[in-house]
Amino acid sequence: MSSKPALKGRAARLARLFPAGPRQAARTPFVLLVVLLLGGGLIGLLVLNSALSEGSFKMDDLRKDTKGLTDEEQALQRDIDSYSAPDALQRRARELGMVPGGDPAFLNPDGTVKGVPSAAARQSVDPVVRPPETVTLPQAPGPAGSAAPARSAERPTAATPETPGR
């Protein structure tokens, strides 16, 4: 007796399509597939690692730029604060020939005047008032002997608009 039962009908036709004896699969395609998958994975990891390091360098550069711009903003804010200090404003106003005002009077919504106004005190000596554009700093020769454009000595050269709440 045989160890296998005899197949009939449809099963017998299907059995003829498959080889009868045990066969080993070819190893070359399998090994080639495994090598390609491993190589592709390694190349993918290399590309991913390169992209992450490039992003890290960009982030480091942006952090340095942010720190520099923050320092510049703080320096400009200090300049603004020094120019807007009460004593600096008073000194600049006196240089422009302004004097402190007298007592103010207020106009009510119904048209009546509240308070008694008084004139500003007269200055004993009228100073020579020059517009700030005419006050210049000493000019240092630039490249090729050209002189730099004159700037006002009393006005800030660069200022950012002051934001409310500061």
N, C-alpha and C. Protein backbone atom coordinates (compact mmCIF):
# COMPACT_ATOMS: atom_id res chain seq x y z
N MET A 1 0.81 -1.19 0.00
CA MET A 1 0.00 0.00 0.00
C MET A 1 0.85 1.24 0.00
N SER A 2 0.33 2.26 -0.61
CA SER A 2 1.08 3.51 -0.68
C SER A 2 0.70 4.39 0.50
N SER A 3 1.59 5.29 0.83
CA SER A 3 1.33 6.15 1.98
C SER A 3 0.36 7.27 1.63
N LYS A 4 0.19 7.56 0.36
CA LYS A 4 -0.72 8.63 -0.04
C LYS A 4 -1.99 8.01 -0.60
N PRO A 5 -3.14 8.58 -0.25
CA PRO A 5 -4.37 8.08 -0.86
C PRO A 5 -4.44 8.55 -2.31
N ALA A 6 -5.14 7.81 -3.15
CA ALA A 6 -5.28 8.16 -4.56
C ALA A 6 -6.27 9.30 -4.70
N LEU A 7 -5.92 10.29 -5.49
CA LEU A 7 -6.78 11.46 -5.68
C LEU A 7 -7.66 11.23 -6.88
N LYS A 8 -8.90 11.74 -6.80
CA LYS A 8 -9.85 11.55 -7.88
C LYS A 8 -10.39 12.91 -8.31
N GLY A 9 -10.79 12.98 -9.53
CA GLY A 9 -11.51 14.14 -10.06
C GLY A 9 -10.68 15.42 -10.06
N ARG A 10 -11.28 16.45 -9.49
CA ARG A 10 -10.69 17.79 -9.51
C ARG A 10 -9.37 17.82 -8.74
N ALA A 11 -9.30 17.13 -7.64
CA ALA A 11 -8.09 17.09 -6.83
C ALA A 11 -6.94 16.49 -7.62
N ALA A 12 -7.23 15.48 -8.44
CA ALA A 12 -6.19 14.85 -9.23
C ALA A 12 -5.67 15.81 -10.29
N ARG A 13 -6.57 16.60 -10.89
CA ARG A 13 -6.12 17.58 -11.90
C ARG A 13 -5.25 18.66 -11.26
N LEU A 14 -5.64 19.12 -10.09
CA LEU A 14 -4.85 20.14 -9.40
C LEU A 14 -3.50 19.59 -8.96
N ALA A 15 -3.46 18.35 -8.55
CA ALA A 15 -2.21 17.75 -8.09
C ALA A 15 -1.21 17.62 -9.21
N ARG A 16 -1.70 17.48 -10.45
CA ARG A 16 -0.78 17.37 -11.58
C ARG A 16 -0.08 18.69 -11.87
N LEU A 17 -0.69 19.80 -11.47
CA LEU A 17 -0.07 21.10 -11.72
C LEU A 17 1.17 21.33 -10.84
N PHE A 18 1.19 20.71 -9.69
CA PHE A 18 2.32 20.87 -8.77
C PHE A 18 3.30 19.74 -8.95
N PRO A 19 4.59 20.01 -8.77
CA PRO A 19 5.57 18.94 -8.90
C PRO A 19 5.34 17.88 -7.83
N ALA A 20 5.66 16.63 -8.14
CA ALA A 20 5.38 15.53 -7.25
C ALA A 20 6.36 15.44 -6.09
N GLY A 21 7.61 15.67 -6.33
CA GLY A 21 8.60 15.49 -5.29
C GLY A 21 8.91 16.79 -4.56
N PRO A 22 9.53 16.71 -3.40
CA PRO A 22 9.92 17.93 -2.69
C PRO A 22 11.05 18.64 -3.44
N ARG A 23 10.87 19.99 -3.59
CA ARG A 23 11.87 20.78 -4.31
C ARG A 23 12.34 21.92 -3.42
N GLN A 24 13.56 22.30 -3.56
CA GLN A 24 14.05 23.45 -2.81
C GLN A 24 13.92 24.70 -3.68
N ALA A 25 13.52 25.79 -3.03
CA ALA A 25 13.42 27.06 -3.76
C ALA A 25 14.82 27.58 -4.04
N ALA A 26 14.93 28.34 -5.09
CA ALA A 26 16.24 28.91 -5.45
C ALA A 26 16.62 29.94 -4.40
N ARG A 27 17.84 29.89 -3.95
CA ARG A 27 18.28 30.80 -2.89
C ARG A 27 18.73 32.15 -3.43
N THR A 28 19.14 32.25 -4.62
CA THR A 28 19.69 33.49 -5.16
C THR A 28 18.68 34.64 -5.13
N PRO A 29 17.43 34.46 -5.58
CA PRO A 29 16.50 35.60 -5.52
C PRO A 29 16.22 36.04 -4.08
N PHE A 30 16.13 35.09 -3.16
CA PHE A 30 15.86 35.44 -1.77
C PHE A 30 17.01 36.24 -1.17
N VAL A 31 18.22 35.77 -1.40
CA VAL A 31 19.40 36.47 -0.87
C VAL A 31 19.50 37.86 -1.50
N LEU A 32 19.23 37.95 -2.78
CA LEU A 32 19.26 39.25 -3.46
C LEU A 32 18.22 40.20 -2.89
N LEU A 33 17.02 39.69 -2.60
CA LEU A 33 15.96 40.52 -2.00
C LEU A 33 16.37 41.02 -0.62
N VAL A 34 16.93 40.15 0.20
CA VAL A 34 17.35 40.54 1.55
C VAL A 34 18.47 41.58 1.47
N VAL A 35 19.42 41.41 0.59
CA VAL A 35 20.53 42.37 0.44
C VAL A 35 19.99 43.72 -0.03
N LEU A 36 19.05 43.71 -0.98
CA LEU A 36 18.48 44.97 -1.46
C LEU A 36 17.69 45.68 -0.36
N LEU A 37 16.92 44.93 0.43
CA LEU A 37 16.17 45.55 1.53
C LEU A 37 17.10 46.16 2.58
N LEU A 38 18.15 45.41 2.94
CA LEU A 38 19.11 45.94 3.91
C LEU A 38 19.84 47.17 3.37
N GLY A 39 20.27 47.10 2.12
CA GLY A 39 20.96 48.25 1.52
C GLY A 39 20.05 49.47 1.42
N GLY A 40 18.81 49.25 1.00
CA GLY A 40 17.85 50.36 0.92
C GLY A 40 17.57 50.97 2.28
N GLY A 41 17.47 50.10 3.30
CA GLY A 41 17.26 50.61 4.66
C GLY A 41 18.43 51.44 5.15
N LEU A 42 19.64 50.98 4.88
CA LEU A 42 20.83 51.74 5.30
C LEU A 42 20.92 53.08 4.58
N ILE A 43 20.64 53.07 3.28
CA ILE A 43 20.67 54.33 2.52
C ILE A 43 19.59 55.28 3.03
N GLY A 44 18.41 54.74 3.33
CA GLY A 44 17.34 55.57 3.89
C GLY A 44 17.73 56.18 5.22
N LEU A 45 18.37 55.39 6.10
CA LEU A 45 18.83 55.92 7.38
C LEU A 45 19.89 57.00 7.19
N LEU A 46 20.77 56.81 6.24
CA LEU A 46 21.81 57.81 5.96
C LEU A 46 21.19 59.13 5.50
N VAL A 47 20.21 59.04 4.60
CA VAL A 47 19.55 60.26 4.11
C VAL A 47 18.80 60.95 5.25
N LEU A 48 18.11 60.16 6.07
CA LEU A 48 17.37 60.74 7.21
C LEU A 48 18.32 61.40 8.20
N ASN A 49 19.44 60.76 8.50
CA ASN A 49 20.42 61.33 9.41
C ASN A 49 21.00 62.63 8.86
N SER A 50 21.29 62.66 7.56
CA SER A 50 21.83 63.89 6.94
C SER A 50 20.81 65.02 7.01
N ALA A 51 19.55 64.72 6.75
CA ALA A 51 18.51 65.75 6.80
C ALA A 51 18.35 66.29 8.22
N LEU A 52 18.41 65.41 9.21
CA LEU A 52 18.28 65.86 10.60
C LEU A 52 19.46 66.74 11.00
N SER A 53 20.69 66.36 10.58
CA SER A 53 21.82 67.20 10.95
C SER A 53 21.79 68.54 10.25
N GLU A 54 21.34 68.57 9.01
CA GLU A 54 21.22 69.85 8.31
C GLU A 54 20.20 70.74 9.00
N GLY A 55 19.08 70.16 9.43
CA GLY A 55 18.08 70.93 10.16
C GLY A 55 18.62 71.43 11.49
N SER A 56 19.45 70.63 12.14
CA SER A 56 20.05 71.03 13.41
C SER A 56 20.98 72.22 13.21
N PHE A 57 21.77 72.20 12.14
CA PHE A 57 22.67 73.33 11.87
C PHE A 57 21.88 74.60 11.56
N LYS A 58 20.81 74.46 10.78
CA LYS A 58 19.98 75.63 10.48
C LYS A 58 19.35 76.19 11.75
N MET A 59 18.88 75.30 12.62
CA MET A 59 18.26 75.75 13.87
C MET A 59 19.29 76.48 14.73
N ASP A 60 20.51 75.98 14.77
CA ASP A 60 21.56 76.63 15.55
C ASP A 60 21.86 78.02 14.99
N ASP A 61 21.94 78.15 13.66
CA ASP A 61 22.16 79.46 13.04
C ASP A 61 21.02 80.41 13.35
N LEU A 62 19.78 79.92 13.28
CA LEU A 62 18.63 80.77 13.56
C LEU A 62 18.61 81.21 15.03
N ARG A 63 19.04 80.34 15.92
CA ARG A 63 19.12 80.73 17.34
C ARG A 63 20.14 81.84 17.53
N LYS A 64 21.30 81.72 16.85
CA LYS A 64 22.32 82.77 16.96
C LYS A 64 21.79 84.09 16.40
N ASP A 65 21.10 84.02 15.25
CA ASP A 65 20.52 85.24 14.67
C ASP A 65 19.48 85.85 15.61
N THR A 66 18.66 85.01 16.22
CA THR A 66 17.65 85.49 17.15
C THR A 66 18.29 86.18 18.34
N LYS A 67 19.36 85.59 18.87
CA LYS A 67 20.05 86.19 20.01
C LYS A 67 20.64 87.55 19.62
N GLY A 68 21.26 87.62 18.44
CA GLY A 68 21.82 88.90 17.98
C GLY A 68 20.76 89.96 17.79
N LEU A 69 19.63 89.56 17.19
CA LEU A 69 18.55 90.53 16.97
C LEU A 69 17.91 90.95 18.29
N THR A 70 17.82 90.04 19.25
CA THR A 70 17.28 90.39 20.56
C THR A 70 18.21 91.39 21.26
N ASP A 71 19.52 91.16 21.16
CA ASP A 71 20.47 92.11 21.75
C ASP A 71 20.35 93.48 21.10
N GLU A 72 20.21 93.50 19.77
CA GLU A 72 20.07 94.77 19.06
C GLU A 72 18.77 95.48 19.46
N GLU A 73 17.70 94.71 19.60
CA GLU A 73 16.42 95.31 20.00
C GLU A 73 16.54 95.93 21.40
N GLN A 74 17.21 95.22 22.31
CA GLN A 74 17.37 95.75 23.66
C GLN A 74 18.22 97.02 23.65
N ALA A 75 19.26 97.05 22.83
CA ALA A 75 20.09 98.26 22.75
C ALA A 75 19.28 99.43 22.21
N LEU A 76 18.47 99.17 21.17
CA LEU A 76 17.63 100.23 20.62
C LEU A 76 16.58 100.69 21.63
N GLN A 77 16.04 99.75 22.41
CA GLN A 77 15.06 100.12 23.43
C GLN A 77 15.72 100.98 24.50
N ARG A 78 16.97 100.66 24.86
CA ARG A 78 17.69 101.51 25.83
C ARG A 78 17.88 102.92 25.26
N ASP A 79 18.20 103.02 23.97
CA ASP A 79 18.34 104.34 23.35
C ASP A 79 17.02 105.10 23.40
N ILE A 80 15.94 104.42 23.07
CA ILE A 80 14.62 105.07 23.11
C ILE A 80 14.31 105.54 24.52
N ASP A 81 14.59 104.68 25.50
CA ASP A 81 14.31 105.05 26.89
C ASP A 81 15.15 106.24 27.32
N SER A 82 16.42 106.30 26.86
CA SER A 82 17.26 107.43 27.26
C SER A 82 16.79 108.73 26.59
N TYR A 83 16.30 108.65 25.34
CA TYR A 83 15.81 109.85 24.67
C TYR A 83 14.45 110.28 25.20
N SER A 84 13.68 109.36 25.74
CA SER A 84 12.35 109.73 26.24
C SER A 84 12.33 109.96 27.74
N ALA A 85 13.49 109.94 28.40
CA ALA A 85 13.56 110.24 29.83
C ALA A 85 13.19 111.72 30.04
N PRO A 86 12.52 112.02 31.15
CA PRO A 86 12.08 113.41 31.39
C PRO A 86 13.21 114.44 31.34
N ASP A 87 14.37 114.13 31.92
CA ASP A 87 15.45 115.12 31.90
C ASP A 87 15.99 115.34 30.49
N ALA A 88 16.03 114.27 29.67
CA ALA A 88 16.48 114.43 28.29
C ALA A 88 15.48 115.23 27.48
N LEU A 89 14.19 115.00 27.71
CA LEU A 89 13.16 115.77 27.00
C LEU A 89 13.22 117.24 27.42
N GLN A 90 13.42 117.49 28.72
CA GLN A 90 13.49 118.88 29.19
C GLN A 90 14.71 119.58 28.60
N ARG A 91 15.85 118.91 28.57
CA ARG A 91 17.07 119.51 28.00
C ARG A 91 16.87 119.82 26.53
N ARG A 92 16.28 118.88 25.79
CA ARG A 92 16.05 119.08 24.36
C ARG A 92 15.05 120.21 24.11
N ALA A 93 14.02 120.29 24.95
CA ALA A 93 13.04 121.37 24.81
C ALA A 93 13.68 122.73 25.06
N ARG A 94 14.54 122.79 26.06
CA ARG A 94 15.22 124.08 26.33
C ARG A 94 16.15 124.45 25.18
N GLU A 95 16.82 123.45 24.57
CA GLU A 95 17.68 123.74 23.43
C GLU A 95 16.88 124.28 22.26
N LEU A 96 15.64 123.85 22.14
CA LEU A 96 14.78 124.33 21.07
C LEU A 96 14.08 125.65 21.41
N GLY A 97 14.32 126.17 22.62
CA GLY A 97 13.76 127.45 23.01
C GLY A 97 12.39 127.36 23.65
N MET A 98 11.97 126.19 24.05
CA MET A 98 10.67 126.05 24.71
C MET A 98 10.81 126.41 26.18
N VAL A 99 9.72 126.86 26.76
CA VAL A 99 9.69 127.21 28.18
C VAL A 99 8.53 126.46 28.82
N PRO A 100 8.59 126.25 30.14
CA PRO A 100 7.47 125.58 30.82
C PRO A 100 6.21 126.43 30.71
N GLY A 101 5.08 125.77 30.50
CA GLY A 101 3.82 126.48 30.36
C GLY A 101 3.29 126.96 31.69
N GLY A 102 2.34 127.87 31.63
CA GLY A 102 1.71 128.39 32.84
C GLY A 102 0.58 127.47 33.28
N ASP A 103 -0.34 128.02 34.09
CA ASP A 103 -1.47 127.24 34.56
C ASP A 103 -2.44 127.02 33.41
N PRO A 104 -2.93 125.80 33.23
CA PRO A 104 -3.84 125.54 32.12
C PRO A 104 -5.29 125.86 32.47
N ALA A 105 -6.08 126.03 31.48
CA ALA A 105 -7.52 126.17 31.64
C ALA A 105 -8.15 125.06 30.81
N PHE A 106 -9.32 124.58 31.26
CA PHE A 106 -9.98 123.47 30.59
C PHE A 106 -11.34 123.91 30.08
N LEU A 107 -11.69 123.40 28.93
CA LEU A 107 -12.97 123.72 28.32
C LEU A 107 -13.92 122.56 28.57
N ASN A 108 -15.05 122.84 29.25
CA ASN A 108 -16.04 121.82 29.54
C ASN A 108 -16.87 121.54 28.29
N PRO A 109 -17.54 120.39 28.22
CA PRO A 109 -18.36 120.08 27.04
C PRO A 109 -19.47 121.09 26.77
N ASP A 110 -19.95 121.76 27.82
CA ASP A 110 -21.03 122.75 27.60
C ASP A 110 -20.49 124.11 27.16
N GLY A 111 -19.16 124.26 27.04
CA GLY A 111 -18.58 125.50 26.54
C GLY A 111 -18.04 126.41 27.62
N THR A 112 -18.21 126.06 28.88
CA THR A 112 -17.69 126.91 29.95
C THR A 112 -16.21 126.60 30.18
N VAL A 113 -15.49 127.58 30.70
CA VAL A 113 -14.06 127.46 30.95
C VAL A 113 -13.86 127.18 32.43
N LYS A 114 -13.05 126.16 32.72
CA LYS A 114 -12.75 125.81 34.10
C LYS A 114 -11.29 126.17 34.37
N GLY A 115 -11.02 126.96 35.36
CA GLY A 115 -9.67 127.37 35.69
C GLY A 115 -9.34 128.72 35.08
N VAL A 116 -8.25 129.30 35.56
CA VAL A 116 -7.80 130.60 35.06
C VAL A 116 -6.45 130.38 34.38
N PRO A 117 -6.36 130.57 33.07
CA PRO A 117 -5.08 130.35 32.39
C PRO A 117 -4.10 131.47 32.70
N SER A 118 -2.84 131.11 32.68
CA SER A 118 -1.80 132.12 32.84
C SER A 118 -0.76 131.90 31.74
N ALA A 119 -0.06 132.96 31.39
CA ALA A 119 0.94 132.89 30.33
C ALA A 119 2.19 132.18 30.83
N ALA A 120 2.93 131.63 29.90
CA ALA A 120 4.20 130.99 30.24
C ALA A 120 5.21 132.04 30.65
N ALA A 121 6.12 131.66 31.52
CA ALA A 121 7.15 132.59 31.98
C ALA A 121 8.08 132.94 30.84
N ARG A 122 8.49 134.18 30.76
CA ARG A 122 9.41 134.65 29.72
C ARG A 122 10.83 134.25 30.08
N GLN A 123 11.59 133.89 29.06
CA GLN A 123 13.00 133.62 29.28
C GLN A 123 13.75 134.94 29.20
N SER A 124 14.80 135.03 30.03
CA SER A 124 15.55 136.28 30.03
C SER A 124 16.42 136.42 28.77
N VAL A 125 16.99 135.33 28.28
CA VAL A 125 17.84 135.39 27.10
C VAL A 125 17.24 134.46 26.05
N ASP A 126 17.01 135.00 24.87
CA ASP A 126 16.49 134.17 23.79
C ASP A 126 17.65 133.42 23.16
N PRO A 127 17.66 132.09 23.27
CA PRO A 127 18.76 131.33 22.67
C PRO A 127 18.59 131.26 21.16
N VAL A 128 19.70 131.00 20.50
CA VAL A 128 19.64 130.80 19.06
C VAL A 128 19.11 129.39 18.83
N VAL A 129 17.98 129.33 18.17
CA VAL A 129 17.36 128.03 17.96
C VAL A 129 17.75 127.53 16.57
N ARG A 130 18.34 126.36 16.55
CA ARG A 130 18.70 125.73 15.28
C ARG A 130 17.88 124.46 15.13
N PRO A 131 17.38 124.22 13.94
CA PRO A 131 16.67 122.95 13.75
C PRO A 131 17.62 121.79 13.92
N PRO A 132 17.12 120.64 14.37
CA PRO A 132 18.01 119.52 14.63
C PRO A 132 18.74 119.02 13.38
N GLU A 133 18.23 119.29 12.21
CA GLU A 133 18.89 118.83 10.99
C GLU A 133 20.20 119.57 10.74
N THR A 134 20.34 120.78 11.31
CA THR A 134 21.56 121.56 11.07
C THR A 134 22.67 121.21 12.05
N VAL A 135 22.34 120.53 13.15
CA VAL A 135 23.35 120.13 14.12
C VAL A 135 23.98 118.86 13.59
N THR A 136 25.28 118.91 13.31
CA THR A 136 25.95 117.75 12.71
C THR A 136 27.10 117.28 13.59
N LEU A 137 27.43 116.04 13.40
CA LEU A 137 28.59 115.48 14.08
C LEU A 137 29.81 115.71 13.21
N PRO A 138 31.00 115.67 13.79
CA PRO A 138 32.20 115.77 12.95
C PRO A 138 32.23 114.58 11.99
N GLN A 139 32.63 114.86 10.76
CA GLN A 139 32.61 113.83 9.74
C GLN A 139 33.98 113.18 9.63
N ALA A 140 33.94 111.84 9.60
CA ALA A 140 35.17 111.08 9.40
C ALA A 140 35.22 110.68 7.94
N PRO A 141 36.39 110.77 7.32
CA PRO A 141 36.46 110.37 5.91
C PRO A 141 36.17 108.88 5.78
N GLY A 142 35.36 108.54 4.80
CA GLY A 142 35.01 107.15 4.52
C GLY A 142 35.97 106.56 3.52
N PRO A 143 35.58 105.48 2.87
CA PRO A 143 36.47 104.87 1.87
C PRO A 143 36.68 105.81 0.69
N ALA A 144 37.83 105.80 0.16
CA ALA A 144 38.25 106.60 -1.00
C ALA A 144 38.12 108.10 -0.73
N GLY A 145 38.25 108.49 0.56
CA GLY A 145 38.26 109.91 0.90
C GLY A 145 36.91 110.58 0.87
N SER A 146 35.81 109.85 0.66
CA SER A 146 34.50 110.50 0.65
C SER A 146 34.02 110.68 2.07
N ALA A 147 33.33 111.77 2.29
CA ALA A 147 32.81 112.06 3.63
C ALA A 147 31.45 111.39 3.79
N ALA A 148 31.18 110.90 4.98
CA ALA A 148 29.89 110.28 5.28
C ALA A 148 28.83 111.37 5.38
N PRO A 149 27.56 111.07 5.10
CA PRO A 149 26.53 112.09 5.23
C PRO A 149 26.36 112.53 6.68
N ALA A 150 26.02 113.79 6.86
CA ALA A 150 25.88 114.35 8.20
C ALA A 150 24.62 113.81 8.85
N ARG A 151 24.73 113.55 10.17
CA ARG A 151 23.57 113.10 10.93
C ARG A 151 23.38 114.03 12.11
N SER A 152 22.17 114.09 12.60
CA SER A 152 21.86 114.94 13.73
C SER A 152 22.49 114.39 15.00
N ALA A 153 23.02 115.28 15.82
CA ALA A 153 23.66 114.85 17.06
C ALA A 153 22.63 114.56 18.13
N GLU A 154 21.45 115.08 18.04
CA GLU A 154 20.46 114.98 19.09
C GLU A 154 19.41 113.92 18.84
N ARG A 155 19.32 113.41 17.64
CA ARG A 155 18.25 112.48 17.32
C ARG A 155 18.80 111.06 17.22
N PRO A 156 18.00 110.06 17.62
CA PRO A 156 18.49 108.69 17.46
C PRO A 156 18.58 108.33 15.99
N THR A 157 19.60 107.53 15.66
CA THR A 157 19.79 107.18 14.25
C THR A 157 18.87 106.05 13.82
N ALA A 158 18.56 105.13 14.70
CA ALA A 158 17.66 104.03 14.34
C ALA A 158 16.78 103.74 15.54
N ALA A 159 15.51 103.69 15.33
CA ALA A 159 14.59 103.41 16.42
C ALA A 159 13.45 102.56 15.89
N THR A 160 13.03 101.63 16.73
CA THR A 160 11.87 100.83 16.39
C THR A 160 10.64 101.50 16.95
N PRO A 161 9.49 101.33 16.32
CA PRO A 161 8.28 101.92 16.89
C PRO A 161 7.98 101.29 18.23
N GLU A 162 7.67 102.13 19.18
CA GLU A 162 7.41 101.64 20.51
C GLU A 162 6.03 101.00 20.55
N THR A 163 5.97 99.80 21.10
CA THR A 163 4.69 99.10 21.17
C THR A 163 3.98 99.49 22.45
N PRO A 164 2.65 99.53 22.43
CA PRO A 164 1.91 99.89 23.65
C PRO A 164 2.14 98.85 24.72
N GLY A 165 2.13 99.30 25.95
CA GLY A 165 2.28 98.40 27.07
C GLY A 165 3.71 98.21 27.53
N ARG A 166 4.65 98.87 26.94
CA ARG A 166 6.04 98.75 27.38
C ARG A 166 6.37 99.81 28.35
